[in-house]
C-alpha atoms as a PDB file:
ATOM      1  CA  MET A   1      31.838  90.103  14.660  1.00  0.00           C
ATOM      2  CA  GLY A   2      28.649  88.388  15.614  1.00  0.00           C
ATOM      3  CA  ALA A   3      24.988  89.216  15.977  1.00  0.00           C
ATOM      4  CA  ILE A   4      24.017  92.878  15.646  1.00  0.00           C
ATOM      5  CA  SER A   5      20.444  93.538  16.743  1.00  0.00           C
ATOM      6  CA  ILE A   6      18.989  97.016  16.239  1.00  0.00           C
ATOM      7  CA  THR A   7      15.600  98.036  17.583  1.00  0.00           C
ATOM      8  CA  GLY A   8      14.121 100.987  15.723  1.00  0.00           C
ATOM      9  CA  PRO A   9      15.157 102.631  12.462  1.00  0.00           C
ATOM     10  CA  ALA A  10      18.671 102.150  11.081  1.00  0.00           C
ATOM     11  CA  LYS A  11      20.821 103.514   8.264  1.00  0.00           C
ATOM     12  CA  LEU A  12      23.615 101.577   6.572  1.00  0.00           C
ATOM     13  CA  LEU A  13      25.064 104.292   4.326  1.00  0.00           C
ATOM     14  CA  GLY A  14      28.404 103.766   2.640  1.00  0.00           C
ATOM     15  CA  GLY A  15      31.046 101.253   3.662  1.00  0.00           C
ATOM     16  CA  GLY A  16      30.402  97.638   4.408  1.00  0.00           C
ATOM     17  CA  SER A  17      30.570  94.706   6.763  1.00  0.00           C
ATOM     18  CA  GLU A  18      32.965  91.773   6.880  1.00  0.00           C
ATOM     19  CA  GLY A  19      33.310  88.477   8.669  1.00  0.00           C
ATOM     20  CA  ALA A  20      30.189  86.927  10.145  1.00  0.00           C
ATOM     21  CA  ALA A  21      28.281  90.123  10.973  1.00  0.00           C
ATOM     22  CA  ALA A  22      24.593  89.190  11.289  1.00  0.00           C
ATOM     23  CA  PHE A  23      22.331  92.249  11.184  1.00  0.00           C
ATOM     24  CA  THR A  24      18.734  92.008  12.397  1.00  0.00           C
ATOM     25  CA  VAL A  25      16.773  95.258  12.447  1.00  0.00           C
ATOM     26  CA  THR A  26      13.251  95.701  13.777  1.00  0.00           C
ATOM     27  CA  GLY A  27      12.427  99.044  12.236  1.00  0.00           C
ATOM     28  CA  THR A  28      12.660 100.709   8.850  1.00  0.00           C
ATOM     29  CA  THR A  29      16.181 100.464   7.434  1.00  0.00           C
ATOM     30  CA  THR A  30      17.780 102.604   4.736  1.00  0.00           C
ATOM     31  CA  LEU A  31      20.589 101.019   2.699  1.00  0.00           C
ATOM     32  CA  SER A  32      22.832 102.889   0.252  1.00  0.00           C
ATOM     33  CA  ASN A  33      26.290 102.265  -1.205  1.00  0.00           C
ATOM     34  CA  TYR A  34      26.858  99.378   1.182  1.00  0.00           C
ATOM     35  CA  THR A  35      28.612  96.015   0.737  1.00  0.00           C
ATOM     36  CA  PHE A  36      27.711  92.928   2.736  1.00  0.00           C
ATOM     37  CA  GLY A  37      31.039  91.106   2.532  1.00  0.00           C
ATOM     38  CA  GLY A  38      32.445  87.928   3.995  1.00  0.00           C
ATOM     39  CA  ALA A  39      29.697  85.857   5.597  1.00  0.00           C
ATOM     40  CA  SER A  40      27.663  88.952   6.580  1.00  0.00           C
ATOM     41  CA  SER A  41      23.908  88.666   6.622  1.00  0.00           C
ATOM     42  CA  PHE A  42      21.060  91.150   6.820  1.00  0.00           C
ATOM     43  CA  THR A  43      17.580  89.980   7.877  1.00  0.00           C
ATOM     44  CA  VAL A  44      14.646  92.180   6.820  1.00  0.00           C
ATOM     45  CA  ASN A  45      11.886  91.833   9.420  1.00  0.00           C
ATOM     46  CA  THR A  46       9.970  94.997   8.549  1.00  0.00           C
ATOM     47  CA  THR A  47      10.936  97.361   5.702  1.00  0.00           C
ATOM     48  CA  ALA A  48      14.277  97.935   4.007  1.00  0.00           C
ATOM     49  CA  ASN A  49      14.562 100.875   1.590  1.00  0.00           C
ATOM     50  CA  GLU A  50      17.482 100.677  -0.822  1.00  0.00           C
ATOM     51  CA  THR A  51      18.309 104.243  -1.911  1.00  0.00           C
ATOM     52  CA  GLY A  52      21.695 103.498  -3.535  1.00  0.00           C
ATOM     53  CA  GLN A  53      23.591 100.507  -4.895  1.00  0.00           C
ATOM     54  CA  VAL A  54      24.009  97.544  -2.515  1.00  0.00           C
ATOM     55  CA  THR A  55      26.534  94.774  -3.180  1.00  0.00           C
ATOM     56  CA  LEU A  56      26.041  91.296  -1.818  1.00  0.00           C
ATOM     57  CA  GLY A  57      29.271  89.335  -1.356  1.00  0.00           C
ATOM     58  CA  ASP A  58      32.946  90.133  -1.912  1.00  0.00           C
ATOM     59  CA  SER A  59      36.200  88.467  -2.977  1.00  0.00           C
ATOM     60  CA  THR A  60      36.104  86.113   0.030  1.00  0.00           C
ATOM     61  CA  ASP A  61      33.099  84.344  -1.586  1.00  0.00           C
ATOM     62  CA  VAL A  62      31.752  82.969   1.710  1.00  0.00           C
ATOM     63  CA  ASP A  63      27.950  83.178   1.648  1.00  0.00           C
ATOM     64  CA  ALA A  64      26.905  86.794   2.280  1.00  0.00           C
ATOM     65  CA  ALA A  65      23.095  86.968   2.370  1.00  0.00           C
ATOM     66  CA  ILE A  66      20.052  89.213   2.540  1.00  0.00           C
ATOM     67  CA  LYS A  67      17.024  87.410   3.972  1.00  0.00           C
ATOM     68  CA  THR A  68      13.532  88.876   3.821  1.00  0.00           C
ATOM     69  CA  VAL A  69      11.219  87.059   6.233  1.00  0.00           C
ATOM     70  CA  ALA A  70       7.432  86.787   5.926  1.00  0.00           C
ATOM     71  CA  GLY A  71       5.963  90.244   6.481  1.00  0.00           C
ATOM     72  CA  GLY A  72       9.216  91.953   5.461  1.00  0.00           C
ATOM     73  CA  VAL A  73       9.476  94.226   2.416  1.00  0.00           C
ATOM     74  CA  TYR A  74      12.581  95.146   0.412  1.00  0.00           C
ATOM     75  CA  ASN A  75      12.018  98.350  -1.598  1.00  0.00           C
ATOM     76  CA  ILE A  76      14.388  99.488  -4.347  1.00  0.00           C
ATOM     77  CA  ALA A  77      13.790 103.226  -4.582  1.00  0.00           C
ATOM     78  CA  GLY A  78      15.670 104.173  -7.736  1.00  0.00           C
ATOM     79  CA  ASP A  79      17.517 102.956 -10.800  1.00  0.00           C
ATOM     80  CA  PHE A  80      19.931 100.573  -9.080  1.00  0.00           C
ATOM     81  CA  GLY A  81      19.789  97.129  -7.573  1.00  0.00           C
ATOM     82  CA  ILE A  82      21.664  94.479  -5.645  1.00  0.00           C
ATOM     83  CA  GLY A  83      25.085  93.852  -7.146  1.00  0.00           C
ATOM     84  CA  ASP A  84      26.486  90.340  -7.163  1.00  0.00           C
ATOM     85  CA  GLY A  85      29.911  90.570  -5.514  1.00  0.00           C
ATOM     86  CA  ALA A  86      30.356  86.790  -5.136  1.00  0.00           C
ATOM     87  CA  SER A  87      28.923  83.636  -6.650  1.00  0.00           C
ATOM     88  CA  SER A  88      27.989  82.345  -3.188  1.00  0.00           C
ATOM     89  CA  ALA A  89      25.854  85.409  -2.325  1.00  0.00           C
ATOM     90  CA  ALA A  90      22.125  84.800  -1.787  1.00  0.00           C
ATOM     91  CA  PHE A  91      18.955  86.875  -1.583  1.00  0.00           C
ATOM     92  CA  THR A  92      16.059  84.889  -0.121  1.00  0.00           C
ATOM     93  CA  ALA A  93      12.506  86.064   0.331  1.00  0.00           C
ATOM     94  CA  PRO A  94       8.876  84.951   0.402  1.00  0.00           C
ATOM     95  CA  ALA A  95       6.681  85.646  -2.641  1.00  0.00           C
ATOM     96  CA  ARG A  96       6.459  89.287  -3.791  1.00  0.00           C
ATOM     97  CA  PRO A  97       8.899  90.827  -1.277  1.00  0.00           C
ATOM     98  CA  ILE A  98      10.764  93.225  -3.588  1.00  0.00           C
ATOM     99  CA  ALA A  99       9.226  96.443  -4.849  1.00  0.00           C
ATOM    100  CA  ARG A 100      10.758  98.998  -7.191  1.00  0.00           C
ATOM    101  CA  VAL A 101       9.312 102.280  -5.986  1.00  0.00           C
ATOM    102  CA  PRO A 102       8.816 104.905  -8.742  1.00  0.00           C
ATOM    103  CA  THR A 103      10.037 108.392  -7.854  1.00  0.00           C
ATOM    104  CA  GLY A 104       7.397 110.341  -5.953  1.00  0.00           C
ATOM    105  CA  MET A 105       5.419 107.301  -4.827  1.00  0.00           C
ATOM    106  CA  PRO A 106       5.224 106.065  -1.232  1.00  0.00           C
ATOM    107  CA  ALA A 107       7.275 103.000  -0.305  1.00  0.00           C
ATOM    108  CA  GLY A 108       5.761  99.627   0.520  1.00  0.00           C
ATOM    109  CA  ILE A 109       3.362  99.442  -2.418  1.00  0.00           C
END
């Protein structure tokens, strides 16, 4: 795989990516029960809402990554997080990019 560019909202629900899939989404993205495996990467340009467990990395241990750029927000909307599937996995972000959103509150706070 290669670069996957999505304009508008996207949902990555269940399953996963492998190889060198490089997701870039310009729109609100919902993530749930998804694994970024291999050298997959996901760049958060706007807002990503995690509504179920996300795993970063797999047994290949080859640098899977989630990157939140300036202006991007990564919301965790529940009692789960980002699982560490490989020691080489990385989550990079500018200051204060991750928000745990309490139930019943609007995202992005």
